[in-house]
Amino acid sequence: MDGKGRALDNIFIERFWRSLKHEYVYLNPPNGGADLYRGVKAYVEFYNCQRKHTGTGYVPNDRFLGEKSS
């Protein structure tokens, strides 16, 4: 993915990693690998199904894309 003219390829995942770190990891330091795995898994579910995003008109991604929320 790295290369000339590819700066925009990474912008979306960079934003996600920033959100994950600032909204979850820094606020809830894990006690080990298994704890981190469970927490990140729960955060990804929250990020896709509940978190409101400015780019989608303040609706969760799954509703914006027309998918059923769990």
PDB file of N, CA and C in Angstrom:
ATOM      1  N   MET A   1       0.802  -1.192   0.000  1.00  0.00           N
ATOM      2  CA  MET A   1       0.000   0.000   0.000  1.00  0.00           C
ATOM      3  C   MET A   1       0.849   1.261   0.000  1.00  0.00           C
ATOM      4  N   ASP A   2       2.081   1.169   0.432  1.00  0.00           N
ATOM      5  CA  ASP A   2       2.925   2.349   0.431  1.00  0.00           C
ATOM      6  C   ASP A   2       3.492   2.563  -0.961  1.00  0.00           C
ATOM      7  N   GLY A   3       3.537   3.780  -1.354  1.00  0.00           N
ATOM      8  CA  GLY A   3       4.116   4.103  -2.642  1.00  0.00           C
ATOM      9  C   GLY A   3       3.710   5.490  -3.073  1.00  0.00           C
ATOM     10  N   LYS A   4       4.310   5.940  -4.129  1.00  0.00           N
ATOM     11  CA  LYS A   4       4.024   7.276  -4.635  1.00  0.00           C
ATOM     12  C   LYS A   4       2.567   7.377  -5.085  1.00  0.00           C
ATOM     13  N   GLY A   5       1.885   8.422  -4.632  1.00  0.00           N
ATOM     14  CA  GLY A   5       0.496   8.626  -5.024  1.00  0.00           C
ATOM     15  C   GLY A   5      -0.503   7.785  -4.261  1.00  0.00           C
ATOM     16  N   ARG A   6      -0.083   7.143  -3.195  1.00  0.00           N
ATOM     17  CA  ARG A   6      -0.962   6.249  -2.460  1.00  0.00           C
ATOM     18  C   ARG A   6      -1.306   6.762  -1.056  1.00  0.00           C
ATOM     19  N   ALA A   7      -1.077   8.022  -0.798  1.00  0.00           N
ATOM     20  CA  ALA A   7      -1.308   8.567   0.542  1.00  0.00           C
ATOM     21  C   ALA A   7      -2.760   8.422   0.975  1.00  0.00           C
ATOM     22  N   LEU A   8      -3.690   8.535   0.053  1.00  0.00           N
ATOM     23  CA  LEU A   8      -5.103   8.455   0.414  1.00  0.00           C
ATOM     24  C   LEU A   8      -5.562   7.032   0.706  1.00  0.00           C
ATOM     25  N   ASP A   9      -4.791   6.039   0.299  1.00  0.00           N
ATOM     26  CA  ASP A   9      -5.161   4.651   0.567  1.00  0.00           C
ATOM     27  C   ASP A   9      -5.256   4.368   2.060  1.00  0.00           C
ATOM     28  N   ASN A  10      -4.405   4.997   2.832  1.00  0.00           N
ATOM     29  CA  ASN A  10      -4.320   4.692   4.257  1.00  0.00           C
ATOM     30  C   ASN A  10      -5.172   5.579   5.146  1.00  0.00           C
ATOM     31  N   ILE A  11      -5.765   6.623   4.626  1.00  0.00           N
ATOM     32  CA  ILE A  11      -6.428   7.608   5.473  1.00  0.00           C
ATOM     33  C   ILE A  11      -7.583   7.011   6.273  1.00  0.00           C
ATOM     34  N   PHE A  12      -8.333   6.099   5.693  1.00  0.00           N
ATOM     35  CA  PHE A  12      -9.494   5.551   6.387  1.00  0.00           C
ATOM     36  C   PHE A  12      -9.086   4.635   7.532  1.00  0.00           C
ATOM     37  N   ILE A  13      -8.123   3.772   7.300  1.00  0.00           N
ATOM     38  CA  ILE A  13      -7.683   2.875   8.367  1.00  0.00           C
ATOM     39  C   ILE A  13      -6.920   3.642   9.431  1.00  0.00           C
ATOM     40  N   GLU A  14      -6.187   4.683   9.055  1.00  0.00           N
ATOM     41  CA  GLU A  14      -5.492   5.507  10.047  1.00  0.00           C
ATOM     42  C   GLU A  14      -6.501   6.169  10.979  1.00  0.00           C
ATOM     43  N   ARG A  15      -7.601   6.643  10.430  1.00  0.00           N
ATOM     44  CA  ARG A  15      -8.640   7.276  11.251  1.00  0.00           C
ATOM     45  C   ARG A  15      -9.264   6.252  12.194  1.00  0.00           C
ATOM     46  N   PHE A  16      -9.512   5.045  11.691  1.00  0.00           N
ATOM     47  CA  PHE A  16     -10.071   4.002  12.548  1.00  0.00           C
ATOM     48  C   PHE A  16      -9.119   3.676  13.694  1.00  0.00           C
ATOM     49  N   TRP A  17      -7.809   3.491  13.391  1.00  0.00           N
ATOM     50  CA  TRP A  17      -6.848   3.171  14.450  1.00  0.00           C
ATOM     51  C   TRP A  17      -6.791   4.278  15.489  1.00  0.00           C
ATOM     52  N   ARG A  18      -6.862   5.545  15.047  1.00  0.00           N
ATOM     53  CA  ARG A  18      -6.855   6.655  15.987  1.00  0.00           C
ATOM     54  C   ARG A  18      -8.074   6.574  16.903  1.00  0.00           C
ATOM     55  N   SER A  19      -9.245   6.342  16.310  1.00  0.00           N
ATOM     56  CA  SER A  19     -10.465   6.231  17.116  1.00  0.00           C
ATOM     57  C   SER A  19     -10.365   5.077  18.101  1.00  0.00           C
ATOM     58  N   LEU A  20      -9.896   3.933  17.653  1.00  0.00           N
ATOM     59  CA  LEU A  20      -9.751   2.764  18.521  1.00  0.00           C
ATOM     60  C   LEU A  20      -8.841   3.074  19.701  1.00  0.00           C
ATOM     61  N   LYS A  21      -7.697   3.672  19.432  1.00  0.00           N
ATOM     62  CA  LYS A  21      -6.747   3.969  20.507  1.00  0.00           C
ATOM     63  C   LYS A  21      -7.289   5.011  21.476  1.00  0.00           C
ATOM     64  N   HIS A  22      -7.841   6.100  20.957  1.00  0.00           N
ATOM     65  CA  HIS A  22      -8.280   7.195  21.824  1.00  0.00           C
ATOM     66  C   HIS A  22      -9.597   6.909  22.533  1.00  0.00           C
ATOM     67  N   GLU A  23     -10.490   6.142  21.914  1.00  0.00           N
ATOM     68  CA  GLU A  23     -11.791   5.885  22.513  1.00  0.00           C
ATOM     69  C   GLU A  23     -11.839   4.590  23.319  1.00  0.00           C
ATOM     70  N   TYR A  24     -10.892   3.693  23.100  1.00  0.00           N
ATOM     71  CA  TYR A  24     -10.938   2.431  23.842  1.00  0.00           C
ATOM     72  C   TYR A  24      -9.629   2.100  24.562  1.00  0.00           C
ATOM     73  N   VAL A  25      -8.561   1.895  23.833  1.00  0.00           N
ATOM     74  CA  VAL A  25      -7.327   1.357  24.421  1.00  0.00           C
ATOM     75  C   VAL A  25      -6.764   2.264  25.505  1.00  0.00           C
ATOM     76  N   TYR A  26      -6.656   3.561  25.245  1.00  0.00           N
ATOM     77  CA  TYR A  26      -6.076   4.466  26.240  1.00  0.00           C
ATOM     78  C   TYR A  26      -6.965   4.601  27.473  1.00  0.00           C
ATOM     79  N   LEU A  27      -8.263   4.443  27.313  1.00  0.00           N
ATOM     80  CA  LEU A  27      -9.195   4.569  28.437  1.00  0.00           C
ATOM     81  C   LEU A  27      -9.376   3.268  29.205  1.00  0.00           C
ATOM     82  N   ASN A  28      -9.065   2.137  28.575  1.00  0.00           N
ATOM     83  CA  ASN A  28      -9.248   0.815  29.174  1.00  0.00           C
ATOM     84  C   ASN A  28      -8.007  -0.038  28.948  1.00  0.00           C
ATOM     85  N   PRO A  29      -6.916   0.246  29.635  1.00  0.00           N
ATOM     86  CA  PRO A  29      -5.695  -0.540  29.408  1.00  0.00           C
ATOM     87  C   PRO A  29      -5.944  -2.032  29.648  1.00  0.00           C
ATOM     88  N   PRO A  30      -5.570  -2.888  28.688  1.00  0.00           N
ATOM     89  CA  PRO A  30      -5.828  -4.322  28.822  1.00  0.00           C
ATOM     90  C   PRO A  30      -4.895  -4.974  29.836  1.00  0.00           C
ATOM     91  N   ASN A  31      -5.344  -6.098  30.390  1.00  0.00           N
ATOM     92  CA  ASN A  31      -4.547  -6.877  31.338  1.00  0.00           C
ATOM     93  C   ASN A  31      -3.838  -8.041  30.674  1.00  0.00           C
ATOM     94  N   GLY A  32      -3.855  -8.101  29.375  1.00  0.00           N
ATOM     95  CA  GLY A  32      -3.203  -9.180  28.641  1.00  0.00           C
ATOM     96  C   GLY A  32      -3.755  -9.258  27.234  1.00  0.00           C
ATOM     97  N   GLY A  33      -3.210 -10.193  26.470  1.00  0.00           N
ATOM     98  CA  GLY A  33      -3.611 -10.344  25.083  1.00  0.00           C
ATOM     99  C   GLY A  33      -5.064 -10.726  24.893  1.00  0.00           C
ATOM    100  N   ALA A  34      -5.556 -11.654  25.715  1.00  0.00           N
ATOM    101  CA  ALA A  34      -6.948 -12.090  25.588  1.00  0.00           C
ATOM    102  C   ALA A  34      -7.905 -10.952  25.929  1.00  0.00           C
ATOM    103  N   ASP A  35      -7.553 -10.184  26.948  1.00  0.00           N
ATOM    104  CA  ASP A  35      -8.377  -9.042  27.343  1.00  0.00           C
ATOM    105  C   ASP A  35      -8.402  -7.998  26.227  1.00  0.00           C
ATOM    106  N   LEU A  36      -7.260  -7.742  25.621  1.00  0.00           N
ATOM    107  CA  LEU A  36      -7.180  -6.795  24.511  1.00  0.00           C
ATOM    108  C   LEU A  36      -8.005  -7.289  23.327  1.00  0.00           C
ATOM    109  N   TYR A  37      -7.903  -8.571  23.007  1.00  0.00           N
ATOM    110  CA  TYR A  37      -8.658  -9.147  21.887  1.00  0.00           C
ATOM    111  C   TYR A  37     -10.161  -8.962  22.090  1.00  0.00           C
ATOM    112  N   ARG A  38     -10.647  -9.307  23.281  1.00  0.00           N
ATOM    113  CA  ARG A  38     -12.082  -9.168  23.571  1.00  0.00           C
ATOM    114  C   ARG A  38     -12.518  -7.705  23.492  1.00  0.00           C
ATOM    115  N   GLY A  39     -11.699  -6.819  24.022  1.00  0.00           N
ATOM    116  CA  GLY A  39     -12.037  -5.402  24.007  1.00  0.00           C
ATOM    117  C   GLY A  39     -12.069  -4.814  22.611  1.00  0.00           C
ATOM    118  N   VAL A  40     -11.084  -5.159  21.797  1.00  0.00           N
ATOM    119  CA  VAL A  40     -11.045  -4.647  20.428  1.00  0.00           C
ATOM    120  C   VAL A  40     -12.215  -5.210  19.628  1.00  0.00           C
ATOM    121  N   LYS A  41     -12.521  -6.468  19.833  1.00  0.00           N
ATOM    122  CA  LYS A  41     -13.662  -7.084  19.143  1.00  0.00           C
ATOM    123  C   LYS A  41     -14.960  -6.362  19.505  1.00  0.00           C
ATOM    124  N   ALA A  42     -15.150  -6.069  20.774  1.00  0.00           N
ATOM    125  CA  ALA A  42     -16.346  -5.348  21.221  1.00  0.00           C
ATOM    126  C   ALA A  42     -16.362  -3.924  20.659  1.00  0.00           C
ATOM    127  N   TYR A  43     -15.193  -3.276  20.601  1.00  0.00           N
ATOM    128  CA  TYR A  43     -15.131  -1.912  20.075  1.00  0.00           C
ATOM    129  C   TYR A  43     -15.482  -1.884  18.589  1.00  0.00           C
ATOM    130  N   VAL A  44     -15.003  -2.853  17.828  1.00  0.00           N
ATOM    131  CA  VAL A  44     -15.310  -2.898  16.394  1.00  0.00           C
ATOM    132  C   VAL A  44     -16.811  -3.072  16.190  1.00  0.00           C
ATOM    133  N   GLU A  45     -17.436  -3.909  16.992  1.00  0.00           N
ATOM    134  CA  GLU A  45     -18.895  -4.080  16.918  1.00  0.00           C
ATOM    135  C   GLU A  45     -19.593  -2.755  17.228  1.00  0.00           C
ATOM    136  N   PHE A  46     -19.147  -2.079  18.269  1.00  0.00           N
ATOM    137  CA  PHE A  46     -19.699  -0.770  18.626  1.00  0.00           C
ATOM    138  C   PHE A  46     -19.472   0.238  17.501  1.00  0.00           C
ATOM    139  N   TYR A  47     -18.274   0.267  16.958  1.00  0.00           N
ATOM    140  CA  TYR A  47     -17.903   1.232  15.921  1.00  0.00           C
ATOM    141  C   TYR A  47     -18.790   1.080  14.688  1.00  0.00           C
ATOM    142  N   ASN A  48     -19.093  -0.147  14.321  1.00  0.00           N
ATOM    143  CA  ASN A  48     -19.883  -0.392  13.117  1.00  0.00           C
ATOM    144  C   ASN A  48     -21.386  -0.316  13.335  1.00  0.00           C
ATOM    145  N   CYS A  49     -21.853  -0.623  14.546  1.00  0.00           N
ATOM    146  CA  CYS A  49     -23.295  -0.757  14.761  1.00  0.00           C
ATOM    147  C   CYS A  49     -23.927   0.324  15.635  1.00  0.00           C
ATOM    148  N   GLN A  50     -23.136   1.032  16.423  1.00  0.00           N
ATOM    149  CA  GLN A  50     -23.731   2.001  17.339  1.00  0.00           C
ATOM    150  C   GLN A  50     -23.140   3.400  17.225  1.00  0.00           C
ATOM    151  N   ARG A  51     -21.856   3.500  16.973  1.00  0.00           N
ATOM    152  CA  ARG A  51     -21.183   4.802  16.956  1.00  0.00           C
ATOM    153  C   ARG A  51     -21.680   5.636  15.784  1.00  0.00           C
ATOM    154  N   LYS A  52     -22.025   6.882  16.084  1.00  0.00           N
ATOM    155  CA  LYS A  52     -22.499   7.791  15.047  1.00  0.00           C
ATOM    156  C   LYS A  52     -21.296   8.456  14.379  1.00  0.00           C
ATOM    157  N   HIS A  53     -21.324   8.516  13.057  1.00  0.00           N
ATOM    158  CA  HIS A  53     -20.206   9.033  12.276  1.00  0.00           C
ATOM    159  C   HIS A  53     -20.617  10.309  11.544  1.00  0.00           C
ATOM    160  N   THR A  54     -19.775  11.319  11.587  1.00  0.00           N
ATOM    161  CA  THR A  54     -20.088  12.573  10.907  1.00  0.00           C
ATOM    162  C   THR A  54     -20.198  12.385   9.394  1.00  0.00           C
ATOM    163  N   GLY A  55     -19.401  11.513   8.838  1.00  0.00           N
ATOM    164  CA  GLY A  55     -19.411  11.299   7.393  1.00  0.00           C
ATOM    165  C   GLY A  55     -20.654  10.606   6.872  1.00  0.00           C
ATOM    166  N   THR A  56     -21.442  10.019   7.762  1.00  0.00           N
ATOM    167  CA  THR A  56     -22.664   9.328   7.345  1.00  0.00           C
ATOM    168  C   THR A  56     -23.909  10.049   7.853  1.00  0.00           C
ATOM    169  N   GLY A  57     -23.764  11.323   8.185  1.00  0.00           N
ATOM    170  CA  GLY A  57     -24.918  12.085   8.666  1.00  0.00           C
ATOM    171  C   GLY A  57     -25.328  11.706  10.071  1.00  0.00           C
ATOM    172  N   TYR A  58     -24.372  11.339  10.886  1.00  0.00           N
ATOM    173  CA  TYR A  58     -24.587  10.972  12.294  1.00  0.00           C
ATOM    174  C   TYR A  58     -25.477   9.744  12.465  1.00  0.00           C
ATOM    175  N   VAL A  59     -25.316   8.789  11.573  1.00  0.00           N
ATOM    176  CA  VAL A  59     -25.969   7.487  11.747  1.00  0.00           C
ATOM    177  C   VAL A  59     -24.875   6.423  11.766  1.00  0.00           C
ATOM    178  N   PRO A  60     -25.106   5.308  12.466  1.00  0.00           N
ATOM    179  CA  PRO A  60     -24.106   4.232  12.481  1.00  0.00           C
ATOM    180  C   PRO A  60     -23.883   3.660  11.076  1.00  0.00           C
ATOM    181  N   ASN A  61     -22.701   3.124  10.852  1.00  0.00           N
ATOM    182  CA  ASN A  61     -22.337   2.597   9.537  1.00  0.00           C
ATOM    183  C   ASN A  61     -23.299   1.541   9.029  1.00  0.00           C
ATOM    184  N   ASP A  62     -23.720   0.615   9.894  1.00  0.00           N
ATOM    185  CA  ASP A  62     -24.574  -0.465   9.405  1.00  0.00           C
ATOM    186  C   ASP A  62     -25.923   0.058   8.920  1.00  0.00           C
ATOM    187  N   ARG A  63     -26.459   1.075   9.563  1.00  0.00           N
ATOM    188  CA  ARG A  63     -27.723   1.655   9.104  1.00  0.00           C
ATOM    189  C   ARG A  63     -27.510   2.463   7.827  1.00  0.00           C
ATOM    190  N   PHE A  64     -26.407   3.164   7.746  1.00  0.00           N
ATOM    191  CA  PHE A  64     -26.098   3.946   6.550  1.00  0.00           C
ATOM    192  C   PHE A  64     -25.978   3.036   5.333  1.00  0.00           C
ATOM    193  N   LEU A  65     -25.391   1.865   5.527  1.00  0.00           N
ATOM    194  CA  LEU A  65     -25.204   0.919   4.429  1.00  0.00           C
ATOM    195  C   LEU A  65     -26.420   0.034   4.198  1.00  0.00           C
ATOM    196  N   GLY A  66     -27.460   0.184   5.034  1.00  0.00           N
ATOM    197  CA  GLY A  66     -28.678  -0.585   4.863  1.00  0.00           C
ATOM    198  C   GLY A  66     -28.633  -1.973   5.453  1.00  0.00           C
ATOM    199  N   GLU A  67     -27.669  -2.235   6.324  1.00  0.00           N
ATOM    200  CA  GLU A  67     -27.568  -3.539   6.964  1.00  0.00           C
ATOM    201  C   GLU A  67     -28.350  -3.523   8.264  1.00  0.00           C
ATOM    202  N   LYS A  68     -28.781  -4.680   8.690  1.00  0.00           N
ATOM    203  CA  LYS A  68     -29.545  -4.790   9.930  1.00  0.00           C
ATOM    204  C   LYS A  68     -28.609  -4.712  11.125  1.00  0.00           C
ATOM    205  N   SER A  69     -28.957  -3.858  12.083  1.00  0.00           N
ATOM    206  CA  SER A  69     -28.174  -3.722  13.310  1.00  0.00           C
ATOM    207  C   SER A  69     -28.521  -4.849  14.258  1.00  0.00           C
ATOM    208  N   SER A  70     -27.500  -5.379  14.966  1.00  0.00           N
ATOM    209  CA  SER A  70     -27.760  -6.464  15.917  1.00  0.00           C
ATOM    210  C   SER A  70     -27.974  -5.941  17.301  1.00  0.00           C
TER     211      SER A  70
END
